[in-house]
């Protein structure tokens, strides 16, 4: 049986992750007309509690699933083909 604090901790992290995702969405909306702005997204991964009681992220420890999600980072959504073409057409400085 899980303790009450695990549920509270999962709820807290879920709210924080949702707030971060909303912040990124707001940034994307407010900068949508800015030339050169690249849309961003939050990377979300599964989390588990390791033997030293630190929250870890994982994609391979499926037996430990069910302990919530955690934000891994923020990535820019870019088209690699367009980036490559831009870099090829821009002279080196």
N, C-alpha and C. Protein backbone atom coordinates (compact mmCIF):
# COMPACT_ATOMS: atom_id res chain seq x y z
N UNK A 1 0.84 -1.18 0.00
CA UNK A 1 0.00 0.00 0.00
C UNK A 1 0.89 1.24 0.00
N UNK A 2 0.54 2.18 -0.82
CA UNK A 2 1.32 3.42 -0.90
C UNK A 2 0.95 4.37 0.23
N UNK A 3 1.91 5.17 0.60
CA UNK A 3 1.63 6.15 1.64
C UNK A 3 0.86 7.33 1.06
N UNK A 4 0.27 8.11 1.92
CA UNK A 4 -0.48 9.30 1.50
C UNK A 4 0.44 10.33 0.87
N UNK A 5 1.65 10.42 1.36
CA UNK A 5 2.56 11.44 0.87
C UNK A 5 2.99 11.20 -0.56
N UNK A 6 3.04 9.95 -1.00
CA UNK A 6 3.37 9.67 -2.40
C UNK A 6 2.29 10.26 -3.31
N UNK A 7 1.04 10.09 -2.94
CA UNK A 7 -0.06 10.66 -3.72
C UNK A 7 -0.02 12.18 -3.73
N UNK A 8 0.29 12.77 -2.60
CA UNK A 8 0.39 14.23 -2.53
C UNK A 8 1.56 14.73 -3.36
N UNK A 9 2.69 14.03 -3.31
CA UNK A 9 3.86 14.42 -4.09
C UNK A 9 3.57 14.30 -5.58
N UNK A 10 2.90 13.23 -5.98
CA UNK A 10 2.54 13.07 -7.40
C UNK A 10 1.61 14.20 -7.84
N UNK A 11 0.65 14.54 -7.01
CA UNK A 11 -0.28 15.63 -7.33
C UNK A 11 0.45 16.95 -7.47
N UNK A 12 1.37 17.21 -6.55
CA UNK A 12 2.15 18.46 -6.60
C UNK A 12 2.96 18.54 -7.89
N UNK A 13 3.66 17.46 -8.23
CA UNK A 13 4.48 17.45 -9.45
C UNK A 13 3.61 17.57 -10.70
N UNK A 14 2.43 16.97 -10.68
CA UNK A 14 1.52 17.07 -11.83
C UNK A 14 1.07 18.50 -12.03
N UNK A 15 0.73 19.18 -10.96
CA UNK A 15 0.32 20.58 -11.06
C UNK A 15 1.47 21.45 -11.55
N UNK A 16 2.68 21.21 -11.04
CA UNK A 16 3.84 21.98 -11.49
C UNK A 16 4.14 21.73 -12.97
N UNK A 17 4.02 20.49 -13.40
CA UNK A 17 4.27 20.16 -14.80
C UNK A 17 3.21 20.78 -15.70
N UNK A 18 1.96 20.76 -15.27
CA UNK A 18 0.89 21.39 -16.04
C UNK A 18 1.10 22.89 -16.14
N UNK A 19 1.54 23.51 -15.06
CA UNK A 19 1.81 24.95 -15.07
C UNK A 19 2.94 25.28 -16.03
N UNK A 20 3.99 24.47 -16.04
CA UNK A 20 5.10 24.69 -16.98
C UNK A 20 4.63 24.56 -18.42
N UNK A 21 3.79 23.55 -18.69
CA UNK A 21 3.26 23.37 -20.04
C UNK A 21 2.39 24.56 -20.45
N UNK A 22 1.60 25.08 -19.52
CA UNK A 22 0.78 26.27 -19.82
C UNK A 22 1.65 27.50 -20.06
N UNK A 23 2.73 27.64 -19.31
CA UNK A 23 3.67 28.75 -19.52
C UNK A 23 4.28 28.68 -20.92
N UNK A 24 4.69 27.50 -21.33
CA UNK A 24 5.27 27.33 -22.66
C UNK A 24 4.23 27.60 -23.74
N UNK A 25 3.00 27.13 -23.54
CA UNK A 25 1.93 27.40 -24.50
C UNK A 25 1.66 28.89 -24.62
N UNK A 26 1.63 29.59 -23.49
CA UNK A 26 1.44 31.03 -23.50
C UNK A 26 2.56 31.75 -24.23
N UNK A 27 3.78 31.29 -24.03
CA UNK A 27 4.92 31.86 -24.73
C UNK A 27 4.81 31.63 -26.23
N UNK A 28 4.39 30.43 -26.62
CA UNK A 28 4.20 30.14 -28.04
C UNK A 28 3.14 31.03 -28.67
N UNK A 29 2.04 31.24 -27.95
CA UNK A 29 0.97 32.08 -28.48
C UNK A 29 1.38 33.54 -28.59
N UNK A 30 2.05 34.05 -27.56
CA UNK A 30 2.42 35.47 -27.58
C UNK A 30 3.53 35.77 -28.57
N UNK A 31 4.34 34.78 -28.92
CA UNK A 31 5.44 35.00 -29.86
C UNK A 31 5.18 34.42 -31.24
N UNK A 32 3.93 34.04 -31.51
CA UNK A 32 3.64 33.38 -32.79
C UNK A 32 3.88 34.28 -33.99
N UNK A 33 3.77 35.58 -33.83
CA UNK A 33 3.97 36.50 -34.95
C UNK A 33 5.39 37.05 -35.03
N UNK A 34 6.24 36.69 -34.10
CA UNK A 34 7.62 37.17 -34.09
C UNK A 34 8.43 36.37 -35.10
N UNK A 35 9.07 37.08 -36.00
CA UNK A 35 9.87 36.40 -37.01
C UNK A 35 11.09 35.75 -36.37
N UNK A 36 11.33 34.51 -36.72
CA UNK A 36 12.47 33.78 -36.19
C UNK A 36 12.18 33.02 -34.91
N UNK A 37 10.99 33.20 -34.34
CA UNK A 37 10.66 32.47 -33.11
C UNK A 37 10.38 31.01 -33.45
N UNK A 38 10.88 30.13 -32.63
CA UNK A 38 10.67 28.70 -32.81
C UNK A 38 9.77 28.18 -31.70
N UNK A 39 8.73 27.47 -32.09
CA UNK A 39 7.78 26.92 -31.11
C UNK A 39 8.50 25.95 -30.18
N UNK A 40 8.06 25.93 -28.93
CA UNK A 40 8.67 25.07 -27.93
C UNK A 40 7.64 24.09 -27.38
N UNK A 41 8.13 23.00 -26.83
CA UNK A 41 7.24 22.04 -26.17
C UNK A 41 7.97 21.42 -24.98
N UNK A 42 7.19 21.00 -24.00
CA UNK A 42 7.75 20.37 -22.80
C UNK A 42 7.88 18.87 -23.05
N UNK A 43 9.05 18.33 -22.75
CA UNK A 43 9.25 16.88 -22.82
C UNK A 43 8.82 16.28 -21.49
N UNK A 44 7.94 15.30 -21.57
CA UNK A 44 7.39 14.67 -20.38
C UNK A 44 7.82 13.20 -20.35
N UNK A 45 8.27 12.76 -19.20
CA UNK A 45 8.68 11.37 -19.04
C UNK A 45 8.09 10.77 -17.78
N UNK A 46 8.15 9.47 -17.70
CA UNK A 46 7.68 8.75 -16.53
C UNK A 46 8.71 8.87 -15.42
N UNK A 47 8.27 8.94 -14.19
CA UNK A 47 9.20 9.06 -13.08
C UNK A 47 9.06 7.88 -12.13
N UNK A 48 10.11 7.62 -11.40
CA UNK A 48 10.08 6.58 -10.38
C UNK A 48 10.98 7.01 -9.23
N UNK A 49 10.80 6.40 -8.09
CA UNK A 49 11.58 6.70 -6.90
C UNK A 49 12.66 5.64 -6.77
N UNK A 50 13.93 6.05 -6.87
CA UNK A 50 15.00 5.06 -6.79
C UNK A 50 15.33 4.71 -5.33
N UNK A 51 16.30 3.85 -5.13
CA UNK A 51 16.61 3.36 -3.79
C UNK A 51 17.17 4.42 -2.85
N UNK A 52 17.62 5.55 -3.38
CA UNK A 52 18.12 6.62 -2.52
C UNK A 52 17.11 7.75 -2.36
N UNK A 53 15.86 7.49 -2.76
CA UNK A 53 14.74 8.42 -2.58
C UNK A 53 14.88 9.70 -3.41
N UNK A 54 15.49 9.60 -4.56
CA UNK A 54 15.54 10.72 -5.48
C UNK A 54 14.65 10.40 -6.67
N UNK A 55 13.92 11.39 -7.14
CA UNK A 55 13.06 11.18 -8.31
C UNK A 55 13.92 11.07 -9.54
N UNK A 56 13.66 10.07 -10.33
CA UNK A 56 14.41 9.81 -11.55
C UNK A 56 13.43 9.77 -12.72
N UNK A 57 13.94 9.95 -13.91
CA UNK A 57 13.12 9.78 -15.11
C UNK A 57 13.53 8.49 -15.79
N UNK A 58 12.59 7.88 -16.44
CA UNK A 58 12.89 6.62 -17.10
C UNK A 58 11.98 6.40 -18.29
N UNK A 59 12.47 5.61 -19.19
CA UNK A 59 11.63 5.12 -20.28
C UNK A 59 11.71 3.60 -20.33
N UNK A 60 12.55 2.99 -19.50
CA UNK A 60 12.75 1.54 -19.57
C UNK A 60 12.31 0.79 -18.32
N UNK A 61 11.99 1.45 -17.26
CA UNK A 61 11.61 0.77 -16.03
C UNK A 61 10.08 0.68 -15.94
N UNK A 62 9.50 -0.09 -16.83
CA UNK A 62 8.04 -0.16 -16.91
C UNK A 62 7.41 -0.80 -15.68
N UNK A 63 8.14 -1.64 -14.96
CA UNK A 63 7.58 -2.26 -13.76
C UNK A 63 7.37 -1.23 -12.65
N UNK A 64 8.02 -0.09 -12.75
CA UNK A 64 7.88 0.96 -11.75
C UNK A 64 6.93 2.06 -12.21
N UNK A 65 6.14 1.77 -13.24
CA UNK A 65 5.22 2.78 -13.78
C UNK A 65 4.13 3.09 -12.75
N UNK A 66 3.48 4.21 -12.93
CA UNK A 66 2.39 4.58 -12.05
C UNK A 66 2.79 5.53 -10.95
N UNK A 67 3.97 6.12 -11.05
CA UNK A 67 4.41 7.06 -10.03
C UNK A 67 4.45 8.48 -10.55
N UNK A 68 3.69 8.75 -11.59
CA UNK A 68 3.55 10.11 -12.08
C UNK A 68 4.46 10.45 -13.23
N UNK A 69 4.37 11.69 -13.64
CA UNK A 69 5.17 12.20 -14.76
C UNK A 69 6.06 13.32 -14.26
N UNK A 70 7.11 13.56 -15.01
CA UNK A 70 8.06 14.62 -14.65
C UNK A 70 8.50 15.31 -15.93
N UNK A 71 8.74 16.60 -15.85
CA UNK A 71 9.23 17.34 -17.00
C UNK A 71 10.72 17.11 -17.18
N UNK A 72 11.10 16.63 -18.35
CA UNK A 72 12.51 16.34 -18.62
C UNK A 72 13.22 17.59 -19.13
N UNK A 73 12.52 18.38 -19.93
CA UNK A 73 13.14 19.57 -20.48
C UNK A 73 12.20 20.27 -21.44
N UNK A 74 12.71 21.30 -22.08
CA UNK A 74 11.95 22.06 -23.07
C UNK A 74 12.73 22.00 -24.38
N UNK A 75 12.06 21.57 -25.43
CA UNK A 75 12.68 21.46 -26.75
C UNK A 75 12.04 22.43 -27.72
N UNK A 76 12.82 22.83 -28.70
CA UNK A 76 12.29 23.62 -29.80
C UNK A 76 11.79 22.68 -30.87
N UNK A 77 10.64 23.01 -31.46
CA UNK A 77 10.08 22.21 -32.54
C UNK A 77 10.57 22.82 -33.84
N UNK A 78 11.47 22.12 -34.48
CA UNK A 78 12.10 22.64 -35.70
C UNK A 78 12.03 21.59 -36.79
N UNK A 79 12.09 22.05 -38.02
CA UNK A 79 12.15 21.16 -39.17
C UNK A 79 13.62 20.97 -39.54
N UNK A 80 14.16 19.76 -39.40
CA UNK A 80 15.58 19.56 -39.67
C UNK A 80 15.96 19.85 -41.12
N UNK A 81 15.06 19.60 -42.05
CA UNK A 81 15.35 19.87 -43.46
C UNK A 81 15.54 21.38 -43.69
N UNK A 82 14.63 22.17 -43.14
CA UNK A 82 14.73 23.63 -43.31
C UNK A 82 15.97 24.16 -42.60
N UNK A 83 16.27 23.65 -41.41
CA UNK A 83 17.49 24.07 -40.70
C UNK A 83 18.74 23.77 -41.52
N UNK A 84 18.80 22.60 -42.12
CA UNK A 84 19.96 22.22 -42.92
C UNK A 84 20.09 23.13 -44.13
N UNK A 85 18.98 23.40 -44.81
CA UNK A 85 19.01 24.28 -45.98
C UNK A 85 19.45 25.69 -45.59
N UNK A 86 18.97 26.18 -44.46
CA UNK A 86 19.35 27.51 -43.99
C UNK A 86 20.85 27.57 -43.71
N UNK A 87 21.37 26.57 -43.03
CA UNK A 87 22.80 26.56 -42.70
C UNK A 87 23.67 26.43 -43.95
N UNK A 88 23.19 25.71 -44.95
CA UNK A 88 23.95 25.57 -46.19
C UNK A 88 23.94 26.87 -46.99
N UNK A 89 22.86 27.63 -46.90
CA UNK A 89 22.76 28.86 -47.69
C UNK A 89 23.39 30.07 -47.01
N UNK A 90 23.65 29.98 -45.71
CA UNK A 90 24.22 31.09 -44.97
C UNK A 90 25.74 30.97 -44.98
N UNK A 91 26.44 32.01 -45.40
CA UNK A 91 27.91 31.94 -45.40
C UNK A 91 28.45 31.93 -43.97
N UNK A 92 29.59 31.32 -43.81
CA UNK A 92 30.23 31.27 -42.49
C UNK A 92 30.71 32.66 -42.11
N UNK A 93 30.54 33.01 -40.87
CA UNK A 93 30.93 34.33 -40.39
C UNK A 93 32.26 34.24 -39.68
